[in-house]
């Protein structure tokens, strides 16, 4: 059973898995400018566009009674 199901969500659908690069990471506060700069230095340039994979899920939580 998925964590979403355990939390009470239904109609759970997994979306596409897409590459996630340093430029995308820079949009999130978790990735500070210093961390982004470090990533650009230590990760080879040819991998900058695909440092991770992003997956989205859609679901809904039915009304409680």
PDB file of N, CA and C in Angstrom:
ATOM      1  N   UNK A   1       0.848  -1.181   0.000  1.00  0.00           N
ATOM      2  CA  UNK A   1       0.000   0.000   0.000  1.00  0.00           C
ATOM      3  C   UNK A   1       0.896   1.248   0.000  1.00  0.00           C
ATOM      4  N   UNK A   2       0.558   2.190  -0.829  1.00  0.00           N
ATOM      5  CA  UNK A   2       1.384   3.395  -0.919  1.00  0.00           C
ATOM      6  C   UNK A   2       1.135   4.329   0.258  1.00  0.00           C
ATOM      7  N   UNK A   3       2.073   5.208   0.481  1.00  0.00           N
ATOM      8  CA  UNK A   3       1.925   6.202   1.556  1.00  0.00           C
ATOM      9  C   UNK A   3       0.740   7.114   1.289  1.00  0.00           C
ATOM     10  N   UNK A   4       0.469   7.397   0.012  1.00  0.00           N
ATOM     11  CA  UNK A   4      -0.696   8.230  -0.304  1.00  0.00           C
ATOM     12  C   UNK A   4      -1.984   7.518   0.087  1.00  0.00           C
ATOM     13  N   UNK A   5      -2.061   6.222  -0.168  1.00  0.00           N
ATOM     14  CA  UNK A   5      -3.242   5.459   0.231  1.00  0.00           C
ATOM     15  C   UNK A   5      -3.372   5.443   1.752  1.00  0.00           C
ATOM     16  N   UNK A   6      -2.280   5.235   2.447  1.00  0.00           N
ATOM     17  CA  UNK A   6      -2.310   5.223   3.908  1.00  0.00           C
ATOM     18  C   UNK A   6      -2.786   6.550   4.469  1.00  0.00           C
ATOM     19  N   UNK A   7      -2.507   7.649   3.742  1.00  0.00           N
ATOM     20  CA  UNK A   7      -2.934   8.983   4.176  1.00  0.00           C
ATOM     21  C   UNK A   7      -4.382   9.272   3.798  1.00  0.00           C
ATOM     22  N   UNK A   8      -5.035   8.326   3.111  1.00  0.00           N
ATOM     23  CA  UNK A   8      -6.447   8.487   2.789  1.00  0.00           C
ATOM     24  C   UNK A   8      -6.742   8.971   1.385  1.00  0.00           C
ATOM     25  N   UNK A   9      -5.737   9.082   0.531  1.00  0.00           N
ATOM     26  CA  UNK A   9      -5.966   9.544  -0.833  1.00  0.00           C
ATOM     27  C   UNK A   9      -6.460   8.392  -1.709  1.00  0.00           C
ATOM     28  N   UNK A  10      -7.257   8.738  -2.708  1.00  0.00           N
ATOM     29  CA  UNK A  10      -7.784   7.763  -3.672  1.00  0.00           C
ATOM     30  C   UNK A  10      -7.547   8.279  -5.082  1.00  0.00           C
ATOM     31  N   UNK A  11      -7.845   7.435  -6.052  1.00  0.00           N
ATOM     32  CA  UNK A  11      -7.658   7.794  -7.472  1.00  0.00           C
ATOM     33  C   UNK A  11      -6.232   8.291  -7.718  1.00  0.00           C
ATOM     34  N   UNK A  12      -5.281   7.541  -7.217  1.00  0.00           N
ATOM     35  CA  UNK A  12      -3.874   7.923  -7.315  1.00  0.00           C
ATOM     36  C   UNK A  12      -3.346   7.530  -8.688  1.00  0.00           C
ATOM     37  N   UNK A  13      -2.767   8.494  -9.374  1.00  0.00           N
ATOM     38  CA  UNK A  13      -2.181   8.246 -10.691  1.00  0.00           C
ATOM     39  C   UNK A  13      -0.765   8.788 -10.730  1.00  0.00           C
ATOM     40  N   UNK A  14       0.123   7.964 -11.254  1.00  0.00           N
ATOM     41  CA  UNK A  14       1.522   8.364 -11.405  1.00  0.00           C
ATOM     42  C   UNK A  14       1.690   9.017 -12.770  1.00  0.00           C
ATOM     43  N   UNK A  15       2.265  10.205 -12.781  1.00  0.00           N
ATOM     44  CA  UNK A  15       2.502  10.915 -14.025  1.00  0.00           C
ATOM     45  C   UNK A  15       3.816  10.491 -14.666  1.00  0.00           C
ATOM     46  N   UNK A  16       4.206  11.217 -15.651  1.00  0.00           N
ATOM     47  CA  UNK A  16       5.440  10.931 -16.372  1.00  0.00           C
ATOM     48  C   UNK A  16       6.658  11.164 -15.487  1.00  0.00           C
ATOM     49  N   UNK A  17       7.707  10.422 -15.766  1.00  0.00           N
ATOM     50  CA  UNK A  17       8.991  10.622 -15.096  1.00  0.00           C
ATOM     51  C   UNK A  17       9.851  11.455 -16.049  1.00  0.00           C
ATOM     52  N   UNK A  18      10.279  12.610 -15.581  1.00  0.00           N
ATOM     53  CA  UNK A  18      10.995  13.555 -16.437  1.00  0.00           C
ATOM     54  C   UNK A  18      12.359  13.900 -15.851  1.00  0.00           C
ATOM     55  N   UNK A  19      13.325  14.228 -16.714  1.00  0.00           N
ATOM     56  CA  UNK A  19      14.626  14.652 -16.199  1.00  0.00           C
ATOM     57  C   UNK A  19      14.498  15.941 -15.395  1.00  0.00           C
ATOM     58  N   UNK A  20      15.321  16.075 -14.382  1.00  0.00           N
ATOM     59  CA  UNK A  20      15.327  17.246 -13.511  1.00  0.00           C
ATOM     60  C   UNK A  20      16.766  17.713 -13.430  1.00  0.00           C
ATOM     61  N   UNK A  21      17.024  18.917 -13.910  1.00  0.00           N
ATOM     62  CA  UNK A  21      18.388  19.419 -13.973  1.00  0.00           C
ATOM     63  C   UNK A  21      18.692  20.477 -12.934  1.00  0.00           C
ATOM     64  N   UNK A  22      19.906  20.948 -12.967  1.00  0.00           N
ATOM     65  CA  UNK A  22      20.340  21.976 -12.024  1.00  0.00           C
ATOM     66  C   UNK A  22      19.514  23.249 -12.182  1.00  0.00           C
ATOM     67  N   UNK A  23      19.194  23.625 -13.410  1.00  0.00           N
ATOM     68  CA  UNK A  23      18.383  24.826 -13.621  1.00  0.00           C
ATOM     69  C   UNK A  23      17.019  24.701 -12.945  1.00  0.00           C
ATOM     70  N   UNK A  24      16.406  23.513 -13.010  1.00  0.00           N
ATOM     71  CA  UNK A  24      15.124  23.299 -12.337  1.00  0.00           C
ATOM     72  C   UNK A  24      15.314  23.333 -10.819  1.00  0.00           C
ATOM     73  N   UNK A  25      16.370  22.714 -10.335  1.00  0.00           N
ATOM     74  CA  UNK A  25      16.650  22.699  -8.899  1.00  0.00           C
ATOM     75  C   UNK A  25      16.798  24.117  -8.353  1.00  0.00           C
ATOM     76  N   UNK A  26      17.366  25.006  -9.147  1.00  0.00           N
ATOM     77  CA  UNK A  26      17.604  26.380  -8.702  1.00  0.00           C
ATOM     78  C   UNK A  26      16.302  27.135  -8.406  1.00  0.00           C
ATOM     79  N   UNK A  27      15.186  26.627  -8.862  1.00  0.00           N
ATOM     80  CA  UNK A  27      13.889  27.280  -8.623  1.00  0.00           C
ATOM     81  C   UNK A  27      13.323  26.990  -7.239  1.00  0.00           C
ATOM     82  N   UNK A  28      13.930  26.059  -6.527  1.00  0.00           N
ATOM     83  CA  UNK A  28      13.410  25.638  -5.226  1.00  0.00           C
ATOM     84  C   UNK A  28      14.281  26.173  -4.092  1.00  0.00           C
ATOM     85  N   UNK A  29      13.661  26.705  -3.033  1.00  0.00           N
ATOM     86  CA  UNK A  29      14.426  27.294  -1.920  1.00  0.00           C
ATOM     87  C   UNK A  29      15.376  26.312  -1.234  1.00  0.00           C
ATOM     88  N   UNK A  30      15.074  25.027  -1.277  1.00  0.00           N
ATOM     89  CA  UNK A  30      15.953  24.023  -0.674  1.00  0.00           C
ATOM     90  C   UNK A  30      17.352  24.087  -1.285  1.00  0.00           C
ATOM     91  N   UNK A  31      17.417  24.425  -2.554  1.00  0.00           N
ATOM     92  CA  UNK A  31      18.691  24.515  -3.268  1.00  0.00           C
ATOM     93  C   UNK A  31      19.176  25.963  -3.220  1.00  0.00           C
ATOM     94  N   UNK A  32      20.018  26.260  -2.256  1.00  0.00           N
ATOM     95  CA  UNK A  32      20.538  27.622  -2.084  1.00  0.00           C
ATOM     96  C   UNK A  32      21.476  27.977  -3.231  1.00  0.00           C
ATOM     97  N   UNK A  33      21.732  29.260  -3.451  1.00  0.00           N
ATOM     98  CA  UNK A  33      22.690  29.640  -4.496  1.00  0.00           C
ATOM     99  C   UNK A  33      24.061  28.974  -4.306  1.00  0.00           C
ATOM    100  N   UNK A  34      24.506  28.841  -3.057  1.00  0.00           N
ATOM    101  CA  UNK A  34      25.789  28.171  -2.815  1.00  0.00           C
ATOM    102  C   UNK A  34      25.749  26.704  -3.229  1.00  0.00           C
ATOM    103  N   UNK A  35      24.645  26.031  -2.929  1.00  0.00           N
ATOM    104  CA  UNK A  35      24.513  24.627  -3.306  1.00  0.00           C
ATOM    105  C   UNK A  35      24.453  24.474  -4.825  1.00  0.00           C
ATOM    106  N   UNK A  36      23.720  25.345  -5.483  1.00  0.00           N
ATOM    107  CA  UNK A  36      23.647  25.301  -6.953  1.00  0.00           C
ATOM    108  C   UNK A  36      25.038  25.513  -7.548  1.00  0.00           C
ATOM    109  N   UNK A  37      25.779  26.462  -7.030  1.00  0.00           N
ATOM    110  CA  UNK A  37      27.144  26.713  -7.516  1.00  0.00           C
ATOM    111  C   UNK A  37      28.020  25.479  -7.306  1.00  0.00           C
ATOM    112  N   UNK A  38      27.887  24.837  -6.154  1.00  0.00           N
ATOM    113  CA  UNK A  38      28.652  23.622  -5.886  1.00  0.00           C
ATOM    114  C   UNK A  38      28.275  22.518  -6.862  1.00  0.00           C
ATOM    115  N   UNK A  39      26.992  22.348  -7.099  1.00  0.00           N
ATOM    116  CA  UNK A  39      26.542  21.326  -8.055  1.00  0.00           C
ATOM    117  C   UNK A  39      27.137  21.581  -9.433  1.00  0.00           C
ATOM    118  N   UNK A  40      27.138  22.840  -9.853  1.00  0.00           N
ATOM    119  CA  UNK A  40      27.700  23.163 -11.178  1.00  0.00           C
ATOM    120  C   UNK A  40      29.195  22.855 -11.242  1.00  0.00           C
ATOM    121  N   UNK A  41      29.888  22.989 -10.110  1.00  0.00           N
ATOM    122  CA  UNK A  41      31.332  22.717 -10.084  1.00  0.00           C
ATOM    123  C   UNK A  41      31.647  21.226 -10.073  1.00  0.00           C
ATOM    124  N   UNK A  42      30.908  20.457  -9.279  1.00  0.00           N
ATOM    125  CA  UNK A  42      31.289  19.055  -9.079  1.00  0.00           C
ATOM    126  C   UNK A  42      30.597  18.067 -10.024  1.00  0.00           C
ATOM    127  N   UNK A  43      29.469  18.440 -10.583  1.00  0.00           N
ATOM    128  CA  UNK A  43      28.776  17.555 -11.523  1.00  0.00           C
ATOM    129  C   UNK A  43      29.264  17.879 -12.929  1.00  0.00           C
ATOM    130  N   UNK A  44      29.669  16.868 -13.683  1.00  0.00           N
ATOM    131  CA  UNK A  44      30.135  17.124 -15.044  1.00  0.00           C
ATOM    132  C   UNK A  44      29.077  17.855 -15.877  1.00  0.00           C
ATOM    133  N   UNK A  45      29.520  18.787 -16.687  1.00  0.00           N
ATOM    134  CA  UNK A  45      28.616  19.646 -17.464  1.00  0.00           C
ATOM    135  C   UNK A  45      27.608  18.849 -18.285  1.00  0.00           C
ATOM    136  N   UNK A  46      28.020  17.708 -18.820  1.00  0.00           N
ATOM    137  CA  UNK A  46      27.099  16.918 -19.654  1.00  0.00           C
ATOM    138  C   UNK A  46      25.956  16.305 -18.839  1.00  0.00           C
ATOM    139  N   UNK A  47      26.034  16.349 -17.514  1.00  0.00           N
ATOM    140  CA  UNK A  47      24.970  15.807 -16.650  1.00  0.00           C
ATOM    141  C   UNK A  47      24.120  16.895 -16.004  1.00  0.00           C
ATOM    142  N   UNK A  48      24.408  18.156 -16.243  1.00  0.00           N
ATOM    143  CA  UNK A  48      23.674  19.248 -15.598  1.00  0.00           C
ATOM    144  C   UNK A  48      22.168  19.214 -15.872  1.00  0.00           C
ATOM    145  N   UNK A  49      21.769  18.718 -17.012  1.00  0.00           N
ATOM    146  CA  UNK A  49      20.346  18.714 -17.365  1.00  0.00           C
ATOM    147  C   UNK A  49      19.599  17.522 -16.779  1.00  0.00           C
ATOM    148  N   UNK A  50      20.332  16.550 -16.234  1.00  0.00           N
ATOM    149  CA  UNK A  50      19.673  15.334 -15.753  1.00  0.00           C
ATOM    150  C   UNK A  50      20.285  14.845 -14.443  1.00  0.00           C
ATOM    151  N   UNK A  51      20.311  15.690 -13.436  1.00  0.00           N
ATOM    152  CA  UNK A  51      20.888  15.285 -12.154  1.00  0.00           C
ATOM    153  C   UNK A  51      19.926  14.431 -11.330  1.00  0.00           C
ATOM    154  N   UNK A  52      18.645  14.437 -11.686  1.00  0.00           N
ATOM    155  CA  UNK A  52      17.640  13.656 -10.967  1.00  0.00           C
ATOM    156  C   UNK A  52      16.463  13.397 -11.901  1.00  0.00           C
ATOM    157  N   UNK A  53      15.453  12.735 -11.373  1.00  0.00           N
ATOM    158  CA  UNK A  53      14.222  12.490 -12.120  1.00  0.00           C
ATOM    159  C   UNK A  53      13.070  13.066 -11.308  1.00  0.00           C
ATOM    160  N   UNK A  54      12.142  13.716 -11.977  1.00  0.00           N
ATOM    161  CA  UNK A  54      10.964  14.273 -11.321  1.00  0.00           C
ATOM    162  C   UNK A  54       9.743  13.435 -11.699  1.00  0.00           C
ATOM    163  N   UNK A  55       8.954  13.078 -10.706  1.00  0.00           N
ATOM    164  CA  UNK A  55       7.727  12.317 -10.929  1.00  0.00           C
ATOM    165  C   UNK A  55       6.594  13.045 -10.215  1.00  0.00           C
ATOM    166  N   UNK A  56       5.492  13.224 -10.911  1.00  0.00           N
ATOM    167  CA  UNK A  56       4.332  13.854 -10.285  1.00  0.00           C
ATOM    168  C   UNK A  56       3.224  12.812 -10.099  1.00  0.00           C
ATOM    169  N   UNK A  57       2.470  13.002  -9.050  1.00  0.00           N
ATOM    170  CA  UNK A  57       1.314  12.149  -8.772  1.00  0.00           C
ATOM    171  C   UNK A  57       0.092  13.040  -8.644  1.00  0.00           C
ATOM    172  N   UNK A  58      -1.040  12.533  -9.085  1.00  0.00           N
ATOM    173  CA  UNK A  58      -2.305  13.214  -8.834  1.00  0.00           C
ATOM    174  C   UNK A  58      -3.173  12.265  -8.013  1.00  0.00           C
ATOM    175  N   UNK A  59      -4.001  12.836  -7.173  1.00  0.00           N
ATOM    176  CA  UNK A  59      -4.897  12.050  -6.345  1.00  0.00           C
ATOM    177  C   UNK A  59      -5.939  12.973  -5.759  1.00  0.00           C
ATOM    178  N   UNK A  60      -6.833  12.395  -5.030  1.00  0.00           N
ATOM    179  CA  UNK A  60      -7.808  13.215  -4.313  1.00  0.00           C
ATOM    180  C   UNK A  60      -8.077  12.578  -2.959  1.00  0.00           C
ATOM    181  N   UNK A  61      -8.524  13.371  -2.055  1.00  0.00           N
ATOM    182  CA  UNK A  61      -8.877  12.882  -0.726  1.00  0.00           C
ATOM    183  C   UNK A  61     -10.392  13.051  -0.588  1.00  0.00           C
ATOM    184  N   UNK A  62     -11.075  11.936  -0.418  1.00  0.00           N
ATOM    185  CA  UNK A  62     -12.538  12.041  -0.333  1.00  0.00           C
ATOM    186  C   UNK A  62     -12.967  12.825   0.906  1.00  0.00           C
ATOM    187  N   UNK A  63     -14.130  13.441   0.832  1.00  0.00           N
ATOM    188  CA  UNK A  63     -14.609  14.203   1.998  1.00  0.00           C
ATOM    189  C   UNK A  63     -14.818  13.273   3.191  1.00  0.00           C
ATOM    190  N   UNK A  64     -14.541  13.801   4.367  1.00  0.00           N
ATOM    191  CA  UNK A  64     -14.783  13.020   5.586  1.00  0.00           C
ATOM    192  C   UNK A  64     -16.238  13.125   5.973  1.00  0.00           C
ATOM    193  N   UNK A  65     -16.726  12.130   6.611  1.00  0.00           N
ATOM    194  CA  UNK A  65     -18.162  12.128   6.989  1.00  0.00           C
ATOM    195  C   UNK A  65     -18.321  12.328   8.455  1.00  0.00           C
TER     196      UNK A  65
END
